[in-house]
N, C-alpha and C. Protein backbone atom coordinates (compact mmCIF):
# COMPACT_ATOMS: atom_id res chain seq x y z
N MET A 1 -49.57 -94.51 176.92
CA MET A 1 -50.16 -94.23 178.20
C MET A 1 -50.78 -95.52 178.72
N SER A 2 -50.51 -95.82 179.95
CA SER A 2 -51.05 -97.06 180.51
C SER A 2 -52.52 -96.89 180.85
N ASP A 3 -53.21 -98.02 180.93
CA ASP A 3 -54.63 -97.97 181.27
C ASP A 3 -54.85 -97.41 182.66
N ASP A 4 -53.93 -97.75 183.59
CA ASP A 4 -54.08 -97.24 184.96
C ASP A 4 -53.97 -95.73 184.99
N TYR A 5 -52.99 -95.17 184.26
CA TYR A 5 -52.85 -93.72 184.25
C TYR A 5 -54.07 -93.06 183.63
N ALA A 6 -54.58 -93.65 182.52
CA ALA A 6 -55.75 -93.07 181.86
C ALA A 6 -56.94 -93.04 182.81
N CYS A 7 -57.11 -94.08 183.60
CA CYS A 7 -58.23 -94.12 184.54
C CYS A 7 -58.07 -93.09 185.65
N THR A 8 -56.84 -92.95 186.19
CA THR A 8 -56.65 -92.00 187.29
C THR A 8 -56.63 -90.57 186.78
N ALA A 9 -56.13 -90.35 185.57
CA ALA A 9 -56.09 -89.00 185.03
C ALA A 9 -57.49 -88.44 184.82
N ARG A 10 -58.43 -89.28 184.51
CA ARG A 10 -59.81 -88.85 184.31
C ARG A 10 -60.66 -89.11 185.54
N ASN A 11 -60.05 -89.67 186.55
CA ASN A 11 -60.78 -89.99 187.78
C ASN A 11 -61.96 -90.92 187.49
N GLU A 12 -61.69 -91.98 186.73
CA GLU A 12 -62.74 -92.94 186.40
C GLU A 12 -62.23 -94.35 186.68
N THR A 13 -63.15 -95.20 186.98
CA THR A 13 -62.81 -96.60 187.21
C THR A 13 -62.60 -97.28 185.85
N PRO A 14 -62.01 -98.48 185.84
CA PRO A 14 -61.86 -99.19 184.57
C PRO A 14 -63.20 -99.44 183.86
N LEU A 15 -64.25 -99.71 184.62
CA LEU A 15 -65.56 -99.91 183.98
C LEU A 15 -66.12 -98.61 183.43
N GLU A 16 -65.92 -97.51 184.12
CA GLU A 16 -66.35 -96.22 183.59
C GLU A 16 -65.59 -95.88 182.31
N ARG A 17 -64.31 -96.22 182.32
CA ARG A 17 -63.49 -95.99 181.12
C ARG A 17 -64.01 -96.85 179.97
N ALA A 18 -64.33 -98.11 180.23
CA ALA A 18 -64.86 -98.99 179.18
C ALA A 18 -66.19 -98.44 178.65
N ASP A 19 -67.05 -97.95 179.54
CA ASP A 19 -68.32 -97.35 179.11
C ASP A 19 -68.07 -96.15 178.21
N ARG A 20 -67.14 -95.28 178.62
CA ARG A 20 -66.83 -94.08 177.83
C ARG A 20 -66.24 -94.48 176.48
N ASN A 21 -65.30 -95.40 176.49
CA ASN A 21 -64.69 -95.84 175.23
C ASN A 21 -65.71 -96.46 174.29
N PHE A 22 -66.64 -97.24 174.83
CA PHE A 22 -67.65 -97.86 173.98
C PHE A 22 -68.59 -96.80 173.41
N ALA A 23 -68.96 -95.82 174.22
CA ALA A 23 -69.83 -94.74 173.72
C ALA A 23 -69.13 -93.95 172.61
N GLU A 24 -67.83 -93.67 172.79
CA GLU A 24 -67.09 -92.96 171.76
C GLU A 24 -66.98 -93.78 170.48
N LEU A 25 -66.74 -95.07 170.63
CA LEU A 25 -66.65 -95.96 169.47
C LEU A 25 -67.98 -96.02 168.72
N LEU A 26 -69.07 -96.12 169.46
CA LEU A 26 -70.39 -96.16 168.81
C LEU A 26 -70.68 -94.87 168.05
N GLN A 27 -70.24 -93.74 168.59
CA GLN A 27 -70.44 -92.47 167.88
C GLN A 27 -69.64 -92.46 166.58
N GLU A 28 -68.41 -92.94 166.62
CA GLU A 28 -67.60 -93.04 165.40
C GLU A 28 -68.27 -93.97 164.39
N LEU A 29 -68.80 -95.09 164.87
CA LEU A 29 -69.43 -96.05 163.97
C LEU A 29 -70.71 -95.49 163.35
N ARG A 30 -71.44 -94.66 164.08
CA ARG A 30 -72.65 -94.05 163.51
C ARG A 30 -72.32 -93.23 162.28
N VAL A 31 -71.25 -92.46 162.35
CA VAL A 31 -70.84 -91.63 161.22
C VAL A 31 -70.42 -92.51 160.05
N THR A 32 -69.58 -93.48 160.30
CA THR A 32 -69.06 -94.34 159.25
C THR A 32 -70.14 -95.21 158.65
N GLN A 33 -70.99 -95.75 159.50
CA GLN A 33 -72.04 -96.66 159.05
C GLN A 33 -73.02 -95.97 158.10
N THR A 34 -73.31 -94.72 158.36
CA THR A 34 -74.22 -93.99 157.48
C THR A 34 -73.65 -93.89 156.08
N GLY A 35 -72.36 -93.58 155.98
CA GLY A 35 -71.72 -93.51 154.67
C GLY A 35 -71.73 -94.85 153.96
N VAL A 36 -71.47 -95.91 154.69
CA VAL A 36 -71.48 -97.25 154.09
C VAL A 36 -72.88 -97.60 153.59
N GLN A 37 -73.89 -97.25 154.36
CA GLN A 37 -75.27 -97.56 153.95
C GLN A 37 -75.65 -96.80 152.68
N ILE A 38 -75.23 -95.55 152.58
CA ILE A 38 -75.53 -94.77 151.37
C ILE A 38 -74.80 -95.36 150.17
N LEU A 39 -73.53 -95.70 150.36
CA LEU A 39 -72.76 -96.30 149.27
C LEU A 39 -73.34 -97.65 148.85
N PHE A 40 -73.74 -98.45 149.82
CA PHE A 40 -74.35 -99.75 149.53
C PHE A 40 -75.65 -99.58 148.74
N ALA A 41 -76.47 -98.62 149.14
CA ALA A 41 -77.73 -98.36 148.41
C ALA A 41 -77.44 -97.93 146.98
N PHE A 42 -76.44 -97.08 146.81
CA PHE A 42 -76.05 -96.65 145.47
C PHE A 42 -75.64 -97.86 144.62
N LEU A 43 -74.82 -98.72 145.20
CA LEU A 43 -74.36 -99.90 144.45
C LEU A 43 -75.51 -100.83 144.10
N LEU A 44 -76.47 -100.98 145.01
CA LEU A 44 -77.62 -101.84 144.72
C LEU A 44 -78.43 -101.32 143.54
N THR A 45 -78.57 -100.01 143.45
CA THR A 45 -79.38 -99.45 142.37
C THR A 45 -78.70 -99.56 141.01
N LEU A 46 -77.37 -99.64 140.99
CA LEU A 46 -76.66 -99.71 139.71
C LEU A 46 -77.07 -100.92 138.88
N ALA A 47 -77.31 -102.04 139.53
CA ALA A 47 -77.66 -103.26 138.78
C ALA A 47 -78.99 -103.11 138.04
N PHE A 48 -79.81 -102.15 138.45
CA PHE A 48 -81.12 -101.98 137.82
C PHE A 48 -81.15 -100.77 136.88
N SER A 49 -79.99 -100.20 136.61
CA SER A 49 -79.95 -99.06 135.68
C SER A 49 -79.92 -99.56 134.25
N PRO A 50 -80.39 -98.78 133.31
CA PRO A 50 -80.45 -99.22 131.91
C PRO A 50 -79.08 -99.53 131.31
N ARG A 51 -78.04 -98.87 131.78
CA ARG A 51 -76.71 -99.07 131.21
C ARG A 51 -76.00 -100.31 131.76
N PHE A 52 -76.49 -100.89 132.83
CA PHE A 52 -75.80 -102.01 133.48
C PHE A 52 -75.55 -103.19 132.53
N PRO A 53 -76.49 -103.59 131.69
CA PRO A 53 -76.23 -104.73 130.79
C PRO A 53 -75.06 -104.50 129.84
N SER A 54 -74.68 -103.26 129.60
CA SER A 54 -73.58 -103.00 128.66
C SER A 54 -72.20 -103.05 129.32
N LEU A 55 -72.13 -103.30 130.63
CA LEU A 55 -70.83 -103.39 131.31
C LEU A 55 -70.06 -104.61 130.82
N ASP A 56 -68.75 -104.45 130.69
CA ASP A 56 -67.92 -105.60 130.28
C ASP A 56 -67.59 -106.45 131.50
N ALA A 57 -66.85 -107.52 131.30
CA ALA A 57 -66.57 -108.48 132.37
C ALA A 57 -65.77 -107.86 133.52
N VAL A 58 -64.82 -107.00 133.21
CA VAL A 58 -64.02 -106.36 134.26
C VAL A 58 -64.91 -105.44 135.10
N GLN A 59 -65.76 -104.69 134.44
CA GLN A 59 -66.66 -103.77 135.15
C GLN A 59 -67.65 -104.53 136.02
N ARG A 60 -68.18 -105.62 135.50
CA ARG A 60 -69.09 -106.44 136.32
C ARG A 60 -68.37 -107.07 137.50
N GLY A 61 -67.15 -107.54 137.27
CA GLY A 61 -66.36 -108.10 138.37
C GLY A 61 -66.06 -107.05 139.43
N THR A 62 -65.72 -105.85 138.99
CA THR A 62 -65.47 -104.75 139.92
C THR A 62 -66.74 -104.42 140.70
N TYR A 63 -67.87 -104.42 139.99
CA TYR A 63 -69.15 -104.12 140.64
C TYR A 63 -69.47 -105.15 141.72
N VAL A 64 -69.40 -106.42 141.38
CA VAL A 64 -69.76 -107.48 142.33
C VAL A 64 -68.80 -107.46 143.52
N THR A 65 -67.52 -107.31 143.25
CA THR A 65 -66.53 -107.26 144.34
C THR A 65 -66.80 -106.08 145.26
N THR A 66 -67.05 -104.93 144.68
CA THR A 66 -67.30 -103.72 145.48
C THR A 66 -68.60 -103.86 146.27
N LEU A 67 -69.62 -104.43 145.67
CA LEU A 67 -70.88 -104.65 146.38
C LEU A 67 -70.67 -105.56 147.58
N LEU A 68 -69.93 -106.65 147.38
CA LEU A 68 -69.67 -107.58 148.49
C LEU A 68 -68.79 -106.93 149.57
N LEU A 69 -67.84 -106.10 149.17
CA LEU A 69 -67.04 -105.37 150.15
C LEU A 69 -67.91 -104.41 150.97
N ALA A 70 -68.88 -103.79 150.32
CA ALA A 70 -69.79 -102.88 151.04
C ALA A 70 -70.62 -103.66 152.06
N VAL A 71 -71.06 -104.86 151.69
CA VAL A 71 -71.80 -105.71 152.62
C VAL A 71 -70.91 -106.09 153.81
N LEU A 72 -69.67 -106.46 153.52
CA LEU A 72 -68.74 -106.83 154.59
C LEU A 72 -68.46 -105.64 155.51
N ALA A 73 -68.27 -104.45 154.93
CA ALA A 73 -68.03 -103.26 155.75
C ALA A 73 -69.23 -102.97 156.64
N ALA A 74 -70.43 -103.06 156.08
CA ALA A 74 -71.64 -102.83 156.88
C ALA A 74 -71.74 -103.85 158.01
N ALA A 75 -71.42 -105.11 157.72
CA ALA A 75 -71.47 -106.15 158.75
C ALA A 75 -70.44 -105.88 159.85
N LEU A 76 -69.24 -105.48 159.47
CA LEU A 76 -68.20 -105.19 160.46
C LEU A 76 -68.58 -103.99 161.33
N PHE A 77 -69.20 -102.98 160.74
CA PHE A 77 -69.56 -101.79 161.50
C PHE A 77 -70.79 -102.00 162.38
N THR A 78 -71.62 -102.98 162.07
CA THR A 78 -72.78 -103.26 162.93
C THR A 78 -72.49 -104.37 163.94
N ALA A 79 -71.40 -105.11 163.75
CA ALA A 79 -71.06 -106.21 164.66
C ALA A 79 -70.88 -105.76 166.11
N PRO A 80 -70.30 -104.57 166.39
CA PRO A 80 -70.19 -104.17 167.80
C PRO A 80 -71.53 -104.09 168.53
N ALA A 81 -72.57 -103.64 167.85
CA ALA A 81 -73.89 -103.60 168.48
C ALA A 81 -74.39 -105.00 168.77
N ALA A 82 -74.18 -105.91 167.84
CA ALA A 82 -74.61 -107.30 168.05
C ALA A 82 -73.80 -107.96 169.16
N LEU A 83 -72.50 -107.67 169.19
CA LEU A 83 -71.64 -108.21 170.25
C LEU A 83 -72.08 -107.70 171.61
N HIS A 84 -72.34 -106.40 171.67
CA HIS A 84 -72.80 -105.82 172.94
C HIS A 84 -74.11 -106.45 173.37
N ARG A 85 -75.02 -106.64 172.44
CA ARG A 85 -76.32 -107.22 172.77
C ARG A 85 -76.14 -108.65 173.28
N ALA A 86 -75.25 -109.42 172.64
CA ALA A 86 -75.04 -110.81 173.03
C ALA A 86 -74.38 -110.93 174.40
N LEU A 87 -73.52 -109.97 174.75
CA LEU A 87 -72.81 -110.02 176.01
C LEU A 87 -73.36 -109.05 177.05
N PHE A 88 -74.53 -108.50 176.79
CA PHE A 88 -75.14 -107.53 177.69
C PHE A 88 -75.31 -108.12 179.09
N GLN A 89 -74.92 -107.37 180.08
CA GLN A 89 -75.00 -107.74 181.49
C GLN A 89 -74.20 -109.00 181.83
N GLN A 90 -73.14 -109.24 181.08
CA GLN A 90 -72.25 -110.36 181.36
C GLN A 90 -70.94 -109.89 181.97
N ARG A 91 -70.87 -108.60 182.32
CA ARG A 91 -69.65 -107.99 182.88
C ARG A 91 -68.47 -108.14 181.93
N ALA A 92 -68.75 -107.94 180.65
CA ALA A 92 -67.73 -108.12 179.62
C ALA A 92 -67.46 -106.84 178.84
N LYS A 93 -67.78 -105.68 179.41
CA LYS A 93 -67.64 -104.43 178.67
C LYS A 93 -66.21 -104.19 178.17
N PRO A 94 -65.16 -104.41 178.98
CA PRO A 94 -63.81 -104.22 178.43
C PRO A 94 -63.53 -105.12 177.22
N LEU A 95 -64.00 -106.36 177.27
CA LEU A 95 -63.84 -107.26 176.14
C LEU A 95 -64.63 -106.75 174.93
N VAL A 96 -65.84 -106.31 175.15
CA VAL A 96 -66.67 -105.76 174.07
C VAL A 96 -65.97 -104.58 173.41
N VAL A 97 -65.36 -103.72 174.22
CA VAL A 97 -64.66 -102.55 173.68
C VAL A 97 -63.46 -102.98 172.84
N ARG A 98 -62.65 -103.92 173.35
CA ARG A 98 -61.47 -104.38 172.61
C ARG A 98 -61.86 -105.03 171.28
N VAL A 99 -62.81 -105.94 171.32
CA VAL A 99 -63.21 -106.64 170.10
C VAL A 99 -63.89 -105.67 169.13
N SER A 100 -64.72 -104.79 169.65
CA SER A 100 -65.41 -103.82 168.79
C SER A 100 -64.43 -102.88 168.13
N SER A 101 -63.40 -102.48 168.85
CA SER A 101 -62.39 -101.61 168.27
C SER A 101 -61.67 -102.31 167.12
N ARG A 102 -61.38 -103.58 167.28
CA ARG A 102 -60.74 -104.34 166.19
C ARG A 102 -61.68 -104.49 165.00
N LEU A 103 -62.95 -104.76 165.27
CA LEU A 103 -63.92 -104.87 164.18
C LEU A 103 -64.02 -103.56 163.41
N ALA A 104 -64.01 -102.44 164.12
CA ALA A 104 -64.08 -101.13 163.47
C ALA A 104 -62.84 -100.88 162.62
N ALA A 105 -61.67 -101.27 163.13
CA ALA A 105 -60.43 -101.08 162.38
C ALA A 105 -60.44 -101.91 161.09
N VAL A 106 -60.87 -103.16 161.19
CA VAL A 106 -60.97 -104.00 159.99
C VAL A 106 -62.03 -103.43 159.05
N GLY A 107 -63.13 -102.95 159.61
CA GLY A 107 -64.17 -102.33 158.81
C GLY A 107 -63.67 -101.13 158.02
N LEU A 108 -62.81 -100.32 158.64
CA LEU A 108 -62.24 -99.18 157.92
C LEU A 108 -61.35 -99.65 156.77
N GLY A 109 -60.60 -100.72 156.99
CA GLY A 109 -59.79 -101.27 155.91
C GLY A 109 -60.64 -101.76 154.75
N VAL A 110 -61.73 -102.42 155.07
CA VAL A 110 -62.65 -102.89 154.01
C VAL A 110 -63.33 -101.71 153.33
N LEU A 111 -63.66 -100.68 154.11
CA LEU A 111 -64.28 -99.49 153.53
C LEU A 111 -63.34 -98.80 152.54
N VAL A 112 -62.05 -98.77 152.83
CA VAL A 112 -61.09 -98.18 151.90
C VAL A 112 -61.18 -98.90 150.56
N LEU A 113 -61.21 -100.22 150.60
CA LEU A 113 -61.30 -101.00 149.37
C LEU A 113 -62.64 -100.78 148.66
N THR A 114 -63.70 -100.63 149.44
CA THR A 114 -65.03 -100.38 148.87
C THR A 114 -65.06 -99.04 148.15
N LEU A 115 -64.51 -98.02 148.79
CA LEU A 115 -64.48 -96.69 148.16
C LEU A 115 -63.63 -96.71 146.90
N ALA A 116 -62.47 -97.34 146.98
CA ALA A 116 -61.60 -97.41 145.80
C ALA A 116 -62.28 -98.17 144.66
N GLY A 117 -62.94 -99.27 144.99
CA GLY A 117 -63.66 -100.03 143.96
C GLY A 117 -64.80 -99.25 143.35
N SER A 118 -65.53 -98.50 144.15
CA SER A 118 -66.63 -97.69 143.64
C SER A 118 -66.13 -96.62 142.68
N VAL A 119 -65.06 -95.94 143.08
CA VAL A 119 -64.49 -94.90 142.22
C VAL A 119 -63.94 -95.52 140.94
N LEU A 120 -63.26 -96.65 141.08
CA LEU A 120 -62.73 -97.36 139.92
C LEU A 120 -63.86 -97.67 138.93
N LEU A 121 -64.95 -98.22 139.42
CA LEU A 121 -66.06 -98.60 138.56
C LEU A 121 -66.68 -97.39 137.85
N VAL A 122 -66.99 -96.36 138.62
CA VAL A 122 -67.66 -95.20 138.03
C VAL A 122 -66.76 -94.50 137.01
N VAL A 123 -65.50 -94.30 137.34
CA VAL A 123 -64.60 -93.62 136.41
C VAL A 123 -64.31 -94.51 135.20
N ASP A 124 -64.21 -95.82 135.40
CA ASP A 124 -64.02 -96.73 134.27
C ASP A 124 -65.18 -96.62 133.30
N VAL A 125 -66.40 -96.63 133.80
CA VAL A 125 -67.58 -96.56 132.94
C VAL A 125 -67.69 -95.20 132.25
N THR A 126 -67.35 -94.15 132.97
CA THR A 126 -67.55 -92.81 132.40
C THR A 126 -66.37 -92.28 131.60
N SER A 127 -65.14 -92.69 131.94
CA SER A 127 -63.97 -92.09 131.30
C SER A 127 -62.99 -93.08 130.68
N GLY A 128 -63.05 -94.33 131.08
CA GLY A 128 -62.12 -95.32 130.51
C GLY A 128 -61.41 -96.12 131.59
N ARG A 129 -60.86 -97.25 131.16
CA ARG A 129 -60.24 -98.19 132.07
C ARG A 129 -59.02 -97.62 132.78
N SER A 130 -58.10 -97.02 132.05
CA SER A 130 -56.88 -96.52 132.68
C SER A 130 -57.20 -95.38 133.65
N GLU A 131 -58.13 -94.52 133.29
CA GLU A 131 -58.54 -93.45 134.19
C GLU A 131 -59.21 -94.02 135.44
N GLY A 132 -59.97 -95.09 135.25
CA GLY A 132 -60.63 -95.74 136.38
C GLY A 132 -59.63 -96.32 137.36
N PHE A 133 -58.62 -97.03 136.83
CA PHE A 133 -57.60 -97.58 137.72
C PHE A 133 -56.80 -96.49 138.42
N LEU A 134 -56.53 -95.41 137.70
CA LEU A 134 -55.81 -94.29 138.30
C LEU A 134 -56.63 -93.64 139.42
N ALA A 135 -57.92 -93.43 139.16
CA ALA A 135 -58.80 -92.82 140.18
C ALA A 135 -58.98 -93.75 141.38
N GLY A 136 -59.13 -95.05 141.12
CA GLY A 136 -59.26 -96.01 142.22
C GLY A 136 -58.00 -96.06 143.07
N ALA A 137 -56.83 -96.06 142.41
CA ALA A 137 -55.56 -96.05 143.15
C ALA A 137 -55.40 -94.75 143.93
N GLY A 138 -55.80 -93.64 143.34
CA GLY A 138 -55.74 -92.35 144.05
C GLY A 138 -56.62 -92.35 145.28
N THR A 139 -57.80 -92.92 145.16
CA THR A 139 -58.70 -93.01 146.31
C THR A 139 -58.08 -93.86 147.41
N LEU A 140 -57.48 -94.96 147.01
CA LEU A 140 -56.81 -95.85 147.97
C LEU A 140 -55.68 -95.10 148.70
N VAL A 141 -54.87 -94.38 147.96
CA VAL A 141 -53.75 -93.65 148.55
C VAL A 141 -54.25 -92.55 149.49
N ILE A 142 -55.27 -91.83 149.09
CA ILE A 142 -55.80 -90.75 149.94
C ILE A 142 -56.37 -91.31 151.24
N CYS A 143 -57.17 -92.37 151.14
CA CYS A 143 -57.76 -92.95 152.36
C CYS A 143 -56.70 -93.54 153.28
N VAL A 144 -55.75 -94.27 152.72
CA VAL A 144 -54.69 -94.84 153.55
C VAL A 144 -53.88 -93.72 154.18
N GLY A 145 -53.64 -92.65 153.44
CA GLY A 145 -52.91 -91.52 153.99
C GLY A 145 -53.64 -90.84 155.13
N LEU A 146 -54.93 -90.56 154.91
CA LEU A 146 -55.71 -89.85 155.93
C LEU A 146 -56.09 -90.72 157.12
N TRP A 147 -56.36 -91.98 156.87
CA TRP A 147 -56.84 -92.86 157.95
C TRP A 147 -55.74 -93.67 158.60
N GLY A 148 -54.63 -93.85 157.91
CA GLY A 148 -53.56 -94.67 158.45
C GLY A 148 -52.30 -93.88 158.79
N VAL A 149 -51.79 -93.13 157.82
CA VAL A 149 -50.53 -92.42 158.01
C VAL A 149 -50.72 -91.18 158.90
N LEU A 150 -51.72 -90.39 158.62
CA LEU A 150 -51.94 -89.15 159.39
C LEU A 150 -52.07 -89.40 160.90
N PRO A 151 -52.86 -90.38 161.34
CA PRO A 151 -52.92 -90.63 162.79
C PRO A 151 -51.57 -91.01 163.39
N ARG A 152 -50.77 -91.75 162.65
CA ARG A 152 -49.44 -92.12 163.16
C ARG A 152 -48.53 -90.90 163.27
N LEU A 153 -48.62 -90.02 162.27
CA LEU A 153 -47.82 -88.80 162.33
C LEU A 153 -48.29 -87.88 163.45
N ALA A 154 -49.58 -87.81 163.64
CA ALA A 154 -50.13 -86.95 164.70
C ALA A 154 -49.81 -87.50 166.08
N ARG A 155 -49.64 -88.79 166.20
CA ARG A 155 -49.36 -89.43 167.48
C ARG A 155 -47.94 -89.14 167.95
N ARG A 156 -47.01 -88.95 167.05
CA ARG A 156 -45.60 -88.75 167.41
C ARG A 156 -45.39 -87.55 168.33
N PRO A 157 -45.87 -86.35 167.99
CA PRO A 157 -45.65 -85.23 168.91
C PRO A 157 -46.32 -85.45 170.26
N THR A 158 -47.47 -86.11 170.27
CA THR A 158 -48.17 -86.39 171.52
C THR A 158 -47.33 -87.29 172.40
N ALA A 159 -46.69 -88.29 171.82
CA ALA A 159 -45.85 -89.19 172.60
C ALA A 159 -44.67 -88.44 173.19
N ARG A 160 -44.09 -87.50 172.41
CA ARG A 160 -42.97 -86.71 172.93
C ARG A 160 -43.41 -85.82 174.07
N VAL A 161 -44.60 -85.24 173.97
CA VAL A 161 -45.11 -84.38 175.03
C VAL A 161 -45.35 -85.20 176.29
N LYS A 162 -45.93 -86.39 176.16
CA LYS A 162 -46.17 -87.25 177.32
C LYS A 162 -44.86 -87.64 177.99
N THR A 163 -43.84 -87.95 177.17
CA THR A 163 -42.55 -88.32 177.73
C THR A 163 -41.94 -87.13 178.47
N ALA A 164 -42.04 -85.95 177.89
CA ALA A 164 -41.49 -84.75 178.52
C ALA A 164 -42.22 -84.45 179.82
N LEU A 165 -43.53 -84.59 179.83
CA LEU A 165 -44.30 -84.35 181.04
C LEU A 165 -43.95 -85.35 182.13
N ALA A 166 -43.73 -86.58 181.75
CA ALA A 166 -43.40 -87.61 182.73
C ALA A 166 -42.02 -87.35 183.35
N ASP A 167 -41.12 -86.71 182.57
CA ASP A 167 -39.78 -86.43 183.07
C ASP A 167 -39.73 -85.21 183.99
N GLU A 168 -40.72 -84.31 183.89
CA GLU A 168 -40.74 -83.11 184.73
C GLU A 168 -41.18 -83.47 186.14
N PRO A 169 -40.52 -82.89 187.15
CA PRO A 169 -40.87 -83.26 188.52
C PRO A 169 -42.24 -82.78 188.96
N ASP A 170 -42.75 -81.68 188.41
CA ASP A 170 -44.03 -81.15 188.88
C ASP A 170 -45.17 -81.43 187.92
N ALA A 171 -45.00 -82.33 186.98
CA ALA A 171 -46.05 -82.60 186.00
C ALA A 171 -46.33 -84.09 185.96
N GLY A 172 -47.38 -84.43 185.28
CA GLY A 172 -47.74 -85.83 185.11
C GLY A 172 -48.46 -86.37 186.32
N PRO A 173 -48.67 -87.68 186.36
CA PRO A 173 -49.46 -88.27 187.41
C PRO A 173 -48.79 -88.19 188.78
N SER A 174 -47.43 -88.15 188.81
CA SER A 174 -46.78 -88.09 190.12
C SER A 174 -46.81 -86.68 190.67
N GLY A 175 -46.89 -85.66 189.78
CA GLY A 175 -47.08 -84.27 190.18
C GLY A 175 -46.12 -83.82 191.26
N ALA A 176 -46.62 -83.00 192.17
CA ALA A 176 -45.80 -82.43 193.22
C ALA A 176 -45.57 -83.41 194.36
N HIS A 177 -46.11 -84.59 194.27
CA HIS A 177 -46.00 -85.55 195.36
C HIS A 177 -44.64 -86.23 195.36
N GLY A 178 -43.90 -86.13 194.22
CA GLY A 178 -42.57 -86.71 194.15
C GLY A 178 -42.59 -88.21 194.34
N GLY A 179 -42.86 -88.95 193.35
CA GLY A 179 -42.86 -90.40 193.46
C GLY A 179 -44.10 -90.99 192.84
N ALA A 180 -44.63 -91.96 193.50
CA ALA A 180 -45.80 -92.67 192.98
C ALA A 180 -47.01 -91.75 192.97
N PRO A 181 -47.89 -91.95 192.02
CA PRO A 181 -49.09 -91.12 191.97
C PRO A 181 -49.96 -91.34 193.20
N ARG A 182 -50.54 -90.27 193.66
CA ARG A 182 -51.43 -90.35 194.80
C ARG A 182 -52.77 -90.87 194.31
N PRO A 183 -53.36 -91.83 194.96
CA PRO A 183 -54.66 -92.33 194.52
C PRO A 183 -55.71 -91.23 194.64
N LEU A 184 -56.56 -91.17 193.66
CA LEU A 184 -57.64 -90.18 193.68
C LEU A 184 -58.83 -90.75 194.43
N ARG A 185 -59.43 -89.90 195.22
CA ARG A 185 -60.62 -90.35 195.94
C ARG A 185 -61.82 -90.21 195.03
N ARG A 186 -62.63 -91.18 195.04
CA ARG A 186 -63.87 -91.16 194.27
C ARG A 186 -64.97 -90.61 195.13
N GLU A 187 -65.66 -89.62 194.61
CA GLU A 187 -66.81 -89.08 195.33
C GLU A 187 -68.04 -89.83 194.88
N ARG A 188 -68.83 -90.21 195.80
CA ARG A 188 -70.08 -90.92 195.49
C ARG A 188 -71.19 -89.91 195.38
N HIS A 189 -71.90 -89.99 194.27
CA HIS A 189 -73.08 -89.12 194.08
C HIS A 189 -74.29 -89.83 194.64
N ARG A 190 -75.02 -89.10 195.44
CA ARG A 190 -76.20 -89.73 196.07
C ARG A 190 -77.47 -89.17 195.52
């Protein structure tokens, strides 16, 4: 769907669309960021547990790597707020939305690795190395499936529906007007 169609379909200007998209992105980040903060706090406390000194080199390496990945995920998920603050009132909202969306996508990728590393570490310590690697790999597969593959599969029928609607003479943005979409009038609220 083109940006122009999205704006006219909702009867919003490009700036209104950028505001809406940024608000939606921030809501998504609030949910994700809370989980990252809880996981990060959990990882921080592990180093001070009585059993921590007994971890072997692989477990310590997994711990440090996972802790640093959690820090990176938290930084990526908070970067949109910092970007918005730095570019506030600079008429850069569409840019802020694009860059923030990319930061969130990279953050989700880092979060997948953080979750897999956390599961790997805990299962390794509690059940053994091979079980830990199996659980970590399972976590990786589940997250990639739910966060990467599922959205792509869900998008396919939507694309077919949009194509079908665009081909129908009485549907889509051109509607009953037969041809180019009629511009929508914006009502001013006073």
